[in-house]
PDB file of N, CA and C in Angstrom:
ATOM      1  N   UNK A   1       0.933  -1.224   0.100  1.00  0.00           N
ATOM      2  CA  UNK A   1       0.173   0.087   0.043  1.00  0.00           C
ATOM      3  C   UNK A   1       1.138   1.157  -0.055  1.00  0.00           C
ATOM      4  N   UNK A   2       0.491   2.112  -0.855  1.00  0.00           N
ATOM      5  CA  UNK A   2       1.420   3.457  -1.030  1.00  0.00           C
ATOM      6  C   UNK A   2       1.150   4.150   0.161  1.00  0.00           C
ATOM      7  N   UNK A   3       2.090   5.065   0.861  1.00  0.00           N
ATOM      8  CA  UNK A   3       1.884   5.786   2.063  1.00  0.00           C
ATOM      9  C   UNK A   3       1.445   7.166   1.307  1.00  0.00           C
ATOM     10  N   UNK A   4       0.405   7.846   1.926  1.00  0.00           N
ATOM     11  CA  UNK A   4       0.036   9.139   1.480  1.00  0.00           C
ATOM     12  C   UNK A   4       0.330  10.235   2.716  1.00  0.00           C
ATOM     13  N   UNK A   5       0.349  11.444   2.194  1.00  0.00           N
ATOM     14  CA  UNK A   5       0.679  12.607   2.833  1.00  0.00           C
ATOM     15  C   UNK A   5      -0.586  12.708   3.942  1.00  0.00           C
ATOM     16  N   UNK A   6      -0.230  13.076   5.137  1.00  0.00           N
ATOM     17  CA  UNK A   6      -1.293  12.958   6.469  1.00  0.00           C
ATOM     18  C   UNK A   6      -1.623  14.415   6.431  1.00  0.00           C
ATOM     19  N   UNK A   7      -2.914  15.000   6.232  1.00  0.00           N
ATOM     20  CA  UNK A   7      -3.172  16.429   6.495  1.00  0.00           C
ATOM     21  C   UNK A   7      -3.010  16.846   7.927  1.00  0.00           C
ATOM     22  N   UNK A   8      -2.903  18.154   7.853  1.00  0.00           N
ATOM     23  CA  UNK A   8      -2.810  18.819   9.146  1.00  0.00           C
ATOM     24  C   UNK A   8      -3.793  18.387  10.268  1.00  0.00           C
ATOM     25  N   UNK A   9      -5.050  18.349   9.720  1.00  0.00           N
ATOM     26  CA  UNK A   9      -6.163  17.912  10.647  1.00  0.00           C
ATOM     27  C   UNK A   9      -6.124  16.552  11.210  1.00  0.00           C
ATOM     28  N   UNK A  10      -5.442  15.582  10.576  1.00  0.00           N
ATOM     29  CA  UNK A  10      -5.083  14.204  10.930  1.00  0.00           C
ATOM     30  C   UNK A  10      -4.303  14.375  12.317  1.00  0.00           C
ATOM     31  N   UNK A  11      -3.490  15.200  12.489  1.00  0.00           N
ATOM     32  CA  UNK A  11      -2.728  15.607  13.893  1.00  0.00           C
ATOM     33  C   UNK A  11      -3.519  15.544  14.932  1.00  0.00           C
ATOM     34  N   UNK A  12      -4.375  16.338  14.740  1.00  0.00           N
ATOM     35  CA  UNK A  12      -5.313  16.793  15.776  1.00  0.00           C
ATOM     36  C   UNK A  12      -6.171  15.333  16.010  1.00  0.00           C
ATOM     37  N   UNK A  13      -6.726  14.877  15.147  1.00  0.00           N
ATOM     38  CA  UNK A  13      -7.453  13.701  15.029  1.00  0.00           C
ATOM     39  C   UNK A  13      -6.952  12.705  16.104  1.00  0.00           C
ATOM     40  N   UNK A  14      -5.509  12.596  16.254  1.00  0.00           N
ATOM     41  CA  UNK A  14      -4.944  11.562  16.874  1.00  0.00           C
ATOM     42  C   UNK A  14      -5.164  11.766  18.389  1.00  0.00           C
ATOM     43  N   UNK A  15      -5.573  13.146  18.534  1.00  0.00           N
ATOM     44  CA  UNK A  15      -6.027  13.306  20.242  1.00  0.00           C
ATOM     45  C   UNK A  15      -6.710  12.417  20.956  1.00  0.00           C
ATOM     46  N   UNK A  16      -7.969  12.089  20.083  1.00  0.00           N
ATOM     47  CA  UNK A  16      -8.801  11.042  20.715  1.00  0.00           C
ATOM     48  C   UNK A  16      -8.882   9.538  20.052  1.00  0.00           C
ATOM     49  N   UNK A  17      -7.839   9.378  19.318  1.00  0.00           N
ATOM     50  CA  UNK A  17      -7.576   7.992  18.905  1.00  0.00           C
ATOM     51  C   UNK A  17      -6.455   7.115  19.523  1.00  0.00           C
ATOM     52  N   UNK A  18      -6.418   5.813  19.364  1.00  0.00           N
ATOM     53  CA  UNK A  18      -5.464   4.988  19.590  1.00  0.00           C
ATOM     54  C   UNK A  18      -5.565   4.633  21.145  1.00  0.00           C
ATOM     55  N   UNK A  19      -4.560   5.176  22.181  1.00  0.00           N
ATOM     56  CA  UNK A  19      -4.250   4.548  23.426  1.00  0.00           C
ATOM     57  C   UNK A  19      -5.334   5.121  24.555  1.00  0.00           C
ATOM     58  N   UNK A  20      -6.261   5.927  24.052  1.00  0.00           N
ATOM     59  CA  UNK A  20      -6.980   6.528  25.155  1.00  0.00           C
ATOM     60  C   UNK A  20      -8.035   5.494  25.600  1.00  0.00           C
ATOM     61  N   UNK A  21      -8.173   5.227  26.894  1.00  0.00           N
ATOM     62  CA  UNK A  21      -8.966   4.302  27.366  1.00  0.00           C
ATOM     63  C   UNK A  21     -10.425   4.239  27.139  1.00  0.00           C
ATOM     64  N   UNK A  22     -10.805   5.779  27.232  1.00  0.00           N
ATOM     65  CA  UNK A  22     -12.085   6.219  27.159  1.00  0.00           C
ATOM     66  C   UNK A  22     -12.544   6.073  25.610  1.00  0.00           C
ATOM     67  N   UNK A  23     -13.713   5.465  25.134  1.00  0.00           N
ATOM     68  CA  UNK A  23     -13.970   5.390  23.831  1.00  0.00           C
ATOM     69  C   UNK A  23     -14.991   6.749  23.781  1.00  0.00           C
ATOM     70  N   UNK A  24     -14.170   7.836  23.012  1.00  0.00           N
ATOM     71  CA  UNK A  24     -15.248   9.029  22.669  1.00  0.00           C
ATOM     72  C   UNK A  24     -15.074   9.236  21.476  1.00  0.00           C
ATOM     73  N   UNK A  25     -16.000  10.002  20.967  1.00  0.00           N
ATOM     74  CA  UNK A  25     -16.159  10.417  19.540  1.00  0.00           C
ATOM     75  C   UNK A  25     -14.788  11.329  19.026  1.00  0.00           C
ATOM     76  N   UNK A  26     -14.474  11.511  17.823  1.00  0.00           N
ATOM     77  CA  UNK A  26     -13.232  12.182  17.547  1.00  0.00           C
ATOM     78  C   UNK A  26     -13.499  13.781  18.120  1.00  0.00           C
ATOM     79  N   UNK A  27     -12.386  14.402  18.010  1.00  0.00           N
ATOM     80  CA  UNK A  27     -12.308  15.701  18.573  1.00  0.00           C
ATOM     81  C   UNK A  27     -13.227  16.685  17.781  1.00  0.00           C
ATOM     82  N   UNK A  28     -13.770  17.812  18.410  1.00  0.00           N
ATOM     83  CA  UNK A  28     -14.735  18.689  17.634  1.00  0.00           C
ATOM     84  C   UNK A  28     -13.777  19.672  17.004  1.00  0.00           C
ATOM     85  N   UNK A  29     -14.349  20.186  15.880  1.00  0.00           N
ATOM     86  CA  UNK A  29     -13.471  21.595  15.270  1.00  0.00           C
ATOM     87  C   UNK A  29     -12.878  22.331  16.209  1.00  0.00           C
ATOM     88  N   UNK A  30     -13.521  22.594  17.173  1.00  0.00           N
ATOM     89  CA  UNK A  30     -13.092  23.610  18.179  1.00  0.00           C
ATOM     90  C   UNK A  30     -11.820  22.976  18.879  1.00  0.00           C
ATOM     91  N   UNK A  31     -11.859  21.663  19.299  1.00  0.00           N
ATOM     92  CA  UNK A  31     -10.744  20.995  19.868  1.00  0.00           C
ATOM     93  C   UNK A  31      -9.614  21.065  19.035  1.00  0.00           C
ATOM     94  N   UNK A  32      -9.782  20.830  17.785  1.00  0.00           N
ATOM     95  CA  UNK A  32      -8.694  20.604  16.825  1.00  0.00           C
ATOM     96  C   UNK A  32      -8.119  22.014  16.625  1.00  0.00           C
ATOM     97  N   UNK A  33      -8.940  23.047  16.716  1.00  0.00           N
ATOM     98  CA  UNK A  33      -8.309  24.309  16.432  1.00  0.00           C
ATOM     99  C   UNK A  33      -7.297  24.661  17.633  1.00  0.00           C
ATOM    100  N   UNK A  34      -7.843  24.481  19.007  1.00  0.00           N
ATOM    101  CA  UNK A  34      -7.334  24.479  20.210  1.00  0.00           C
ATOM    102  C   UNK A  34      -5.780  23.894  20.001  1.00  0.00           C
ATOM    103  N   UNK A  35      -5.797  22.641  19.643  1.00  0.00           N
ATOM    104  CA  UNK A  35      -4.306  22.069  19.653  1.00  0.00           C
ATOM    105  C   UNK A  35      -3.757  22.134  18.408  1.00  0.00           C
ATOM    106  N   UNK A  36      -4.058  22.504  17.357  1.00  0.00           N
ATOM    107  CA  UNK A  36      -3.473  22.449  16.085  1.00  0.00           C
ATOM    108  C   UNK A  36      -1.921  23.159  16.166  1.00  0.00           C
ATOM    109  N   UNK A  37      -1.705  24.248  16.456  1.00  0.00           N
ATOM    110  CA  UNK A  37      -0.467  24.880  16.905  1.00  0.00           C
ATOM    111  C   UNK A  37       0.258  24.228  17.869  1.00  0.00           C
ATOM    112  N   UNK A  38      -0.200  23.593  18.951  1.00  0.00           N
ATOM    113  CA  UNK A  38       0.887  22.979  19.977  1.00  0.00           C
ATOM    114  C   UNK A  38       1.085  21.672  19.518  1.00  0.00           C
ATOM    115  N   UNK A  39       0.185  21.094  18.926  1.00  0.00           N
ATOM    116  CA  UNK A  39       0.719  19.437  18.165  1.00  0.00           C
ATOM    117  C   UNK A  39       1.598  19.557  17.324  1.00  0.00           C
ATOM    118  N   UNK A  40       1.493  20.851  16.517  1.00  0.00           N
ATOM    119  CA  UNK A  40       2.514  20.847  15.437  1.00  0.00           C
ATOM    120  C   UNK A  40       4.111  21.302  15.812  1.00  0.00           C
ATOM    121  N   UNK A  41       3.668  22.413  16.979  1.00  0.00           N
ATOM    122  CA  UNK A  41       5.151  22.557  17.787  1.00  0.00           C
ATOM    123  C   UNK A  41       5.740  21.661  18.388  1.00  0.00           C
ATOM    124  N   UNK A  42       5.107  21.025  19.267  1.00  0.00           N
ATOM    125  CA  UNK A  42       5.623  19.961  20.065  1.00  0.00           C
ATOM    126  C   UNK A  42       5.530  18.432  19.790  1.00  0.00           C
ATOM    127  N   UNK A  43       4.898  18.195  18.797  1.00  0.00           N
ATOM    128  CA  UNK A  43       4.696  16.643  18.473  1.00  0.00           C
ATOM    129  C   UNK A  43       4.709  16.300  17.020  1.00  0.00           C
ATOM    130  N   UNK A  44       5.091  17.141  16.328  1.00  0.00           N
ATOM    131  CA  UNK A  44       4.865  17.031  14.787  1.00  0.00           C
ATOM    132  C   UNK A  44       5.448  15.611  14.295  1.00  0.00           C
ATOM    133  N   UNK A  45       6.504  15.170  15.136  1.00  0.00           N
ATOM    134  CA  UNK A  45       6.999  13.992  14.660  1.00  0.00           C
ATOM    135  C   UNK A  45       6.125  12.686  14.746  1.00  0.00           C
ATOM    136  N   UNK A  46       4.937  13.023  15.482  1.00  0.00           N
ATOM    137  CA  UNK A  46       4.335  11.775  15.863  1.00  0.00           C
ATOM    138  C   UNK A  46       2.790  11.932  15.102  1.00  0.00           C
ATOM    139  N   UNK A  47       2.811  12.684  13.847  1.00  0.00           N
ATOM    140  CA  UNK A  47       1.608  12.809  12.927  1.00  0.00           C
ATOM    141  C   UNK A  47       1.476  11.248  12.360  1.00  0.00           C
ATOM    142  N   UNK A  48       0.051  10.865  12.628  1.00  0.00           N
ATOM    143  CA  UNK A  48      -0.320   9.561  12.218  1.00  0.00           C
ATOM    144  C   UNK A  48       0.028   8.438  12.957  1.00  0.00           C
ATOM    145  N   UNK A  49       0.438   8.814  14.200  1.00  0.00           N
ATOM    146  CA  UNK A  49       0.712   7.762  15.208  1.00  0.00           C
ATOM    147  C   UNK A  49       0.064   7.935  16.750  1.00  0.00           C
ATOM    148  N   UNK A  50      -1.327   7.833  16.795  1.00  0.00           N
ATOM    149  CA  UNK A  50      -2.136   8.291  17.718  1.00  0.00           C
ATOM    150  C   UNK A  50      -1.616   7.921  19.161  1.00  0.00           C
ATOM    151  N   UNK A  51      -1.147   6.978  19.377  1.00  0.00           N
ATOM    152  CA  UNK A  51      -0.634   6.504  20.914  1.00  0.00           C
ATOM    153  C   UNK A  51       0.252   7.544  21.258  1.00  0.00           C
ATOM    154  N   UNK A  52       1.440   7.666  20.204  1.00  0.00           N
ATOM    155  CA  UNK A  52       2.517   8.451  20.573  1.00  0.00           C
ATOM    156  C   UNK A  52       2.170  10.124  20.483  1.00  0.00           C
ATOM    157  N   UNK A  53       1.205  10.528  19.564  1.00  0.00           N
ATOM    158  CA  UNK A  53       0.987  11.924  19.733  1.00  0.00           C
ATOM    159  C   UNK A  53       0.136  12.287  21.091  1.00  0.00           C
ATOM    160  N   UNK A  54      -0.701  11.307  21.615  1.00  0.00           N
ATOM    161  CA  UNK A  54      -1.306  11.283  22.956  1.00  0.00           C
ATOM    162  C   UNK A  54      -0.380  11.494  23.994  1.00  0.00           C
ATOM    163  N   UNK A  55       0.578  10.472  23.957  1.00  0.00           N
ATOM    164  CA  UNK A  55       1.670  10.558  24.967  1.00  0.00           C
ATOM    165  C   UNK A  55       2.584  11.824  24.840  1.00  0.00           C
ATOM    166  N   UNK A  56       2.645  12.232  23.787  1.00  0.00           N
ATOM    167  CA  UNK A  56       3.551  13.578  23.599  1.00  0.00           C
ATOM    168  C   UNK A  56       2.924  14.750  23.909  1.00  0.00           C
ATOM    169  N   UNK A  57       1.576  14.741  23.815  1.00  0.00           N
ATOM    170  CA  UNK A  57       0.844  16.088  24.165  1.00  0.00           C
ATOM    171  C   UNK A  57       0.712  15.877  25.753  1.00  0.00           C
ATOM    172  N   UNK A  58       0.449  14.845  26.425  1.00  0.00           N
ATOM    173  CA  UNK A  58       0.277  14.587  27.610  1.00  0.00           C
ATOM    174  C   UNK A  58       1.839  15.004  28.485  1.00  0.00           C
ATOM    175  N   UNK A  59       2.972  14.737  27.849  1.00  0.00           N
ATOM    176  CA  UNK A  59       3.998  14.955  28.402  1.00  0.00           C
ATOM    177  C   UNK A  59       4.423  16.420  28.318  1.00  0.00           C
ATOM    178  N   UNK A  60       4.042  17.011  27.346  1.00  0.00           N
ATOM    179  CA  UNK A  60       4.088  18.475  27.288  1.00  0.00           C
ATOM    180  C   UNK A  60       3.122  19.386  27.589  1.00  0.00           C
ATOM    181  N   UNK A  61       2.175  18.784  28.458  1.00  0.00           N
ATOM    182  CA  UNK A  61       1.002  19.345  28.842  1.00  0.00           C
ATOM    183  C   UNK A  61       1.301  20.715  29.647  1.00  0.00           C
ATOM    184  N   UNK A  62       2.307  20.926  30.431  1.00  0.00           N
ATOM    185  CA  UNK A  62       2.640  22.118  31.147  1.00  0.00           C
ATOM    186  C   UNK A  62       3.174  23.317  29.947  1.00  0.00           C
ATOM    187  N   UNK A  63       3.502  22.801  29.020  1.00  0.00           N
ATOM    188  CA  UNK A  63       3.959  23.754  27.742  1.00  0.00           C
ATOM    189  C   UNK A  63       2.503  24.149  26.869  1.00  0.00           C
ATOM    190  N   UNK A  64       1.702  23.541  26.819  1.00  0.00           N
ATOM    191  CA  UNK A  64       0.558  23.756  25.942  1.00  0.00           C
ATOM    192  C   UNK A  64      -0.280  25.003  26.196  1.00  0.00           C
ATOM    193  N   UNK A  65      -0.991  25.652  25.182  1.00  0.00           N
ATOM    194  CA  UNK A  65      -1.762  26.592  25.558  1.00  0.00           C
ATOM    195  C   UNK A  65      -2.989  26.366  26.483  1.00  0.00           C
ATOM    196  N   UNK A  66      -3.607  27.154  27.060  1.00  0.00           N
ATOM    197  CA  UNK A  66      -4.478  26.920  27.838  1.00  0.00           C
ATOM    198  C   UNK A  66      -5.708  26.073  27.387  1.00  0.00           C
ATOM    199  N   UNK A  67      -6.274  26.406  26.160  1.00  0.00           N
ATOM    200  CA  UNK A  67      -7.112  25.946  25.329  1.00  0.00           C
ATOM    201  C   UNK A  67      -7.017  24.345  24.802  1.00  0.00           C
ATOM    202  N   UNK A  68      -5.614  24.024  24.445  1.00  0.00           N
ATOM    203  CA  UNK A  68      -5.208  22.719  24.256  1.00  0.00           C
ATOM    204  C   UNK A  68      -4.998  21.693  25.622  1.00  0.00           C
ATOM    205  N   UNK A  69      -4.575  22.474  26.608  1.00  0.00           N
ATOM    206  CA  UNK A  69      -4.346  21.601  27.768  1.00  0.00           C
ATOM    207  C   UNK A  69      -5.900  21.186  28.343  1.00  0.00           C
ATOM    208  N   UNK A  70      -6.644  21.945  27.998  1.00  0.00           N
ATOM    209  CA  UNK A  70      -8.252  21.825  28.408  1.00  0.00           C
ATOM    210  C   UNK A  70      -8.614  20.503  27.694  1.00  0.00           C
ATOM    211  N   UNK A  71      -8.267  20.693  26.505  1.00  0.00           N
ATOM    212  CA  UNK A  71      -8.684  19.381  25.560  1.00  0.00           C
ATOM    213  C   UNK A  71      -8.167  18.305  26.037  1.00  0.00           C
ATOM    214  N   UNK A  72      -6.619  18.227  26.123  1.00  0.00           N
ATOM    215  CA  UNK A  72      -5.959  16.903  26.550  1.00  0.00           C
ATOM    216  C   UNK A  72      -6.487  16.549  28.070  1.00  0.00           C
ATOM    217  N   UNK A  73      -6.669  17.320  28.869  1.00  0.00           N
ATOM    218  CA  UNK A  73      -7.353  16.913  30.211  1.00  0.00           C
ATOM    219  C   UNK A  73      -8.667  16.188  29.979  1.00  0.00           C
ATOM    220  N   UNK A  74      -9.446  16.909  29.061  1.00  0.00           N
ATOM    221  CA  UNK A  74     -10.819  16.362  28.738  1.00  0.00           C
ATOM    222  C   UNK A  74     -10.921  15.035  28.292  1.00  0.00           C
ATOM    223  N   UNK A  75      -9.772  14.712  27.534  1.00  0.00           N
ATOM    224  CA  UNK A  75      -9.602  13.289  26.647  1.00  0.00           C
ATOM    225  C   UNK A  75      -8.762  12.398  27.513  1.00  0.00           C
ATOM    226  N   UNK A  76      -8.543  12.400  28.893  1.00  0.00           N
ATOM    227  CA  UNK A  76      -8.038  11.549  29.817  1.00  0.00           C
ATOM    228  C   UNK A  76      -6.471  12.018  30.043  1.00  0.00           C
ATOM    229  N   UNK A  77      -5.868  13.197  29.709  1.00  0.00           N
ATOM    230  CA  UNK A  77      -4.580  13.329  29.749  1.00  0.00           C
ATOM    231  C   UNK A  77      -4.073  14.049  31.057  1.00  0.00           C
TER     232      UNK A  77
END
């Protein structure tokens, strides 16, 4: 299977996917916008790897913007 470029929105979708214990729906557009910059700044190398992205955002929670930190916390981080 040929690899494709993952759009920036997929970076944020990983917030709710993968290793989170709680089965929740995907992030809302507002949640995506709240974390877009932080995810790109701190965790860009984890695009397409939801468990690693979640771990990265949690590990950098103290550095995240207030809005993104609230999203991560609401998603179990």
